[in-house]
Amino acid sequence: MLPLAACATTRPATYLVETKGPYQLDTGDAVRVTVYGDADLSATYRVDDSGAVAFPLVGPVQVRGNTTKMAAGNIAAALANGYMRDPDVAVEVAEYRPFFIQGAISKSGQFPYVFGMTVRAAISTAGGFTDTADRQTAVVYRRQGGQMVKGSVNLDFPIFPGDTVVVPERWF
């Protein structure tokens, strides 16, 4: 039995859509900004269509494509530019932008994203499969850089905010 076990190969699944990397802020996210020592500036701000947060005193600060750490640096730099001496800023995601789901599921539409969500969890959020759904795979559309890419994935594939999940019908 041992010689046959050595012949077995396991390869990780490959997808066209990226599955790793730090979370990047985008339109629709809400961020909780804490400015230590200034409770009036500490609040929750929504990322607007231009990819910025409208921050008091300094105006719009670009955060699209930034991690929370990078966004904190951008806001601190803007505040340090004539408004505060050595500001200490922290940024965390308060609310993720939604994901979208359609196809052979009970209820298509836009739903709130929860960190760590998989295709299976997204389908459950949308009310589950219809009778004709393919219960093994789905298609995920994700914006990467300046283009939309898609990949056929299994149900345990991680999804991100802004993704569109399509559950195909099976053919008998």
Protein backbone atom coordinates (compact mmCIF):
# COMPACT_ATOMS: atom_id res chain seq x y z
CA MET A 1 0.00 0.00 0.00
CA LEU A 2 2.80 2.40 0.78
CA PRO A 3 4.18 2.53 -2.81
CA LEU A 4 0.71 3.44 -4.14
CA ALA A 5 0.29 6.21 -1.59
CA ALA A 6 3.42 7.88 -2.95
CA CYS A 7 1.83 8.02 -6.42
CA ALA A 8 -1.11 10.06 -5.23
CA THR A 9 -0.73 13.75 -5.92
CA THR A 10 -2.65 16.58 -4.43
CA ARG A 11 -2.52 19.94 -6.08
CA PRO A 12 -4.08 23.05 -4.64
CA ALA A 13 -7.05 24.35 -6.57
CA THR A 14 -6.25 27.22 -8.92
CA TYR A 15 -8.58 30.11 -9.56
CA LEU A 16 -8.50 33.10 -11.84
CA VAL A 17 -9.56 35.33 -8.97
CA GLU A 18 -7.06 36.20 -6.24
CA THR A 19 -7.69 34.70 -2.83
CA LYS A 20 -5.00 36.33 -0.73
CA GLY A 21 -3.83 39.74 0.28
CA PRO A 22 -4.76 42.40 2.80
CA TYR A 23 -8.21 43.94 2.57
CA GLN A 24 -8.33 47.06 0.41
CA LEU A 25 -10.87 49.79 1.04
CA ASP A 26 -13.26 50.85 -1.70
CA THR A 27 -16.53 52.67 -2.34
CA GLY A 28 -19.28 51.55 0.02
CA ASP A 29 -17.06 50.61 2.95
CA ALA A 30 -17.55 52.43 6.24
CA VAL A 31 -14.45 53.03 8.35
CA ARG A 32 -14.18 53.87 12.03
CA VAL A 33 -11.49 56.51 12.46
CA THR A 34 -10.05 57.17 15.90
CA VAL A 35 -7.93 60.28 16.39
CA TYR A 36 -6.34 59.89 19.81
CA GLY A 37 -6.76 63.02 21.89
CA ASP A 38 -9.59 64.44 19.74
CA ALA A 39 -12.97 62.80 20.32
CA ASP A 40 -14.70 65.26 17.95
CA LEU A 41 -12.81 63.85 14.95
CA SER A 42 -13.24 60.20 15.97
CA ALA A 43 -16.26 58.86 14.08
CA THR A 44 -17.42 56.50 11.35
CA TYR A 45 -17.00 57.69 7.76
CA ARG A 46 -18.22 56.13 4.51
CA VAL A 47 -15.93 55.81 1.47
CA ASP A 48 -17.61 57.80 -1.31
CA ASP A 49 -17.82 57.20 -5.06
CA SER A 50 -14.48 58.91 -5.64
CA GLY A 51 -12.76 56.58 -3.14
CA ALA A 52 -12.32 59.20 -0.43
CA VAL A 53 -13.62 59.88 3.06
CA ALA A 54 -14.82 63.41 3.80
CA PHE A 55 -12.81 64.20 6.91
CA PRO A 56 -13.41 67.32 9.04
CA LEU A 57 -10.83 70.09 8.76
CA VAL A 58 -8.93 68.52 5.87
CA GLY A 59 -11.68 67.60 3.39
CA PRO A 60 -11.61 64.48 1.20
CA VAL A 61 -8.81 62.01 1.92
CA GLN A 62 -8.22 59.27 -0.68
CA VAL A 63 -8.40 55.74 0.73
CA ARG A 64 -9.50 53.58 -2.24
CA GLY A 65 -7.13 50.66 -2.66
CA ASN A 66 -5.53 51.33 0.74
CA THR A 67 -5.32 48.98 3.68
CA THR A 68 -6.63 50.36 6.98
CA LYS A 69 -3.05 51.04 8.06
CA MET A 70 -2.33 53.01 4.88
CA ALA A 71 -5.60 54.94 5.27
CA ALA A 72 -4.63 55.86 8.84
CA GLY A 73 -1.32 57.19 7.50
CA ASN A 74 -3.09 59.27 4.83
CA ILE A 75 -5.47 60.81 7.37
CA ALA A 76 -2.64 61.47 9.84
CA ALA A 77 -0.59 63.15 7.10
CA ALA A 78 -3.53 65.34 6.12
CA LEU A 79 -4.10 66.35 9.77
CA ALA A 80 -0.38 67.02 10.29
CA ASN A 81 -0.46 69.44 7.36
CA GLY A 82 -1.28 72.46 9.50
CA TYR A 83 -4.08 71.16 11.74
CA MET A 84 -2.52 68.92 14.41
CA ARG A 85 0.96 68.30 15.69
CA ASP A 86 1.93 64.62 15.42
CA PRO A 87 -1.59 63.12 15.12
CA ASP A 88 -2.09 59.49 16.16
CA VAL A 89 -4.78 57.91 13.95
CA ALA A 90 -6.24 54.40 13.80
CA VAL A 91 -8.62 53.12 11.12
CA GLU A 92 -10.71 49.94 11.17
CA VAL A 93 -13.47 48.64 8.94
CA ALA A 94 -16.84 49.35 10.57
CA GLU A 95 -18.96 47.97 7.73
CA TYR A 96 -17.88 46.16 4.58
CA ARG A 97 -19.37 46.95 1.19
CA PRO A 98 -21.98 44.38 0.13
CA PHE A 99 -21.59 41.32 -2.07
CA PHE A 100 -24.02 40.32 -4.80
CA ILE A 101 -25.50 36.92 -5.59
CA GLN A 102 -27.70 35.69 -8.42
CA GLY A 103 -28.67 32.56 -10.29
CA ALA A 104 -30.27 29.38 -9.01
CA ILE A 105 -30.86 30.59 -5.46
CA SER A 106 -33.99 31.56 -3.53
CA LYS A 107 -33.37 35.30 -3.34
CA SER A 108 -30.97 37.18 -5.64
CA GLY A 109 -29.64 40.57 -4.72
CA GLN A 110 -27.23 42.56 -2.60
CA PHE A 111 -26.38 41.40 0.91
CA PRO A 112 -24.12 42.62 3.73
CA TYR A 113 -20.69 41.01 3.76
CA VAL A 114 -19.37 39.31 6.88
CA PHE A 115 -15.61 38.85 7.25
CA GLY A 116 -14.44 35.34 6.30
CA MET A 117 -17.52 34.57 4.19
CA THR A 118 -17.43 31.69 1.69
CA VAL A 119 -19.61 30.94 -1.34
CA ARG A 120 -21.53 28.44 0.81
CA ALA A 121 -22.28 31.12 3.44
CA ALA A 122 -23.32 33.58 0.71
CA ILE A 123 -25.78 31.03 -0.69
CA SER A 124 -27.21 30.47 2.79
CA THR A 125 -27.56 34.23 3.27
CA ALA A 126 -29.56 34.35 0.03
CA GLY A 127 -32.01 31.70 1.18
CA GLY A 128 -30.32 28.60 -0.20
CA PHE A 129 -30.41 26.73 -3.51
CA THR A 130 -33.37 26.31 -5.83
CA ASP A 131 -34.34 22.79 -6.90
CA THR A 132 -32.41 23.13 -10.17
CA ALA A 133 -29.18 24.59 -8.74
CA ASP A 134 -25.75 23.10 -9.33
CA ARG A 135 -24.80 22.34 -5.72
CA GLN A 136 -21.10 21.77 -6.38
CA THR A 137 -19.73 24.94 -8.00
CA ALA A 138 -20.37 28.62 -8.53
CA VAL A 139 -18.84 31.43 -10.56
CA VAL A 140 -17.26 34.37 -8.75
CA TYR A 141 -16.71 37.72 -10.48
CA ARG A 142 -14.17 39.99 -8.81
CA ARG A 143 -12.57 43.30 -9.75
CA GLN A 144 -8.78 42.97 -9.84
CA GLY A 145 -6.91 46.07 -10.79
CA GLY A 146 -8.79 47.70 -13.62
CA GLN A 147 -10.61 44.63 -14.89
CA MET A 148 -13.30 42.17 -13.86
CA VAL A 149 -12.15 38.55 -13.69
CA LYS A 150 -14.15 35.40 -13.11
CA GLY A 151 -13.45 31.92 -11.87
CA SER A 152 -15.39 28.73 -11.41
CA VAL A 153 -15.02 27.84 -7.74
CA ASN A 154 -16.14 25.31 -5.15
CA LEU A 155 -18.52 26.23 -2.33
CA ASP A 156 -15.75 26.72 0.25
CA PHE A 157 -14.04 29.44 -1.80
CA PRO A 158 -13.64 32.72 0.13
CA ILE A 159 -15.53 35.72 -1.20
CA PHE A 160 -14.80 39.39 -0.62
CA PRO A 161 -16.94 42.52 -0.45
CA GLY A 162 -17.98 43.65 -3.91
CA ASP A 163 -17.83 40.12 -5.38
CA THR A 164 -20.68 38.81 -7.50
CA VAL A 165 -21.51 35.13 -7.00
CA VAL A 166 -23.49 33.32 -9.71
CA VAL A 167 -24.97 29.90 -8.91
CA PRO A 168 -25.57 28.02 -12.18
CA GLU A 169 -28.36 25.58 -12.87
CA ARG A 170 -27.50 21.94 -13.30
CA TRP A 171 -28.50 20.15 -16.45
CA PHE A 172 -30.01 16.75 -16.02
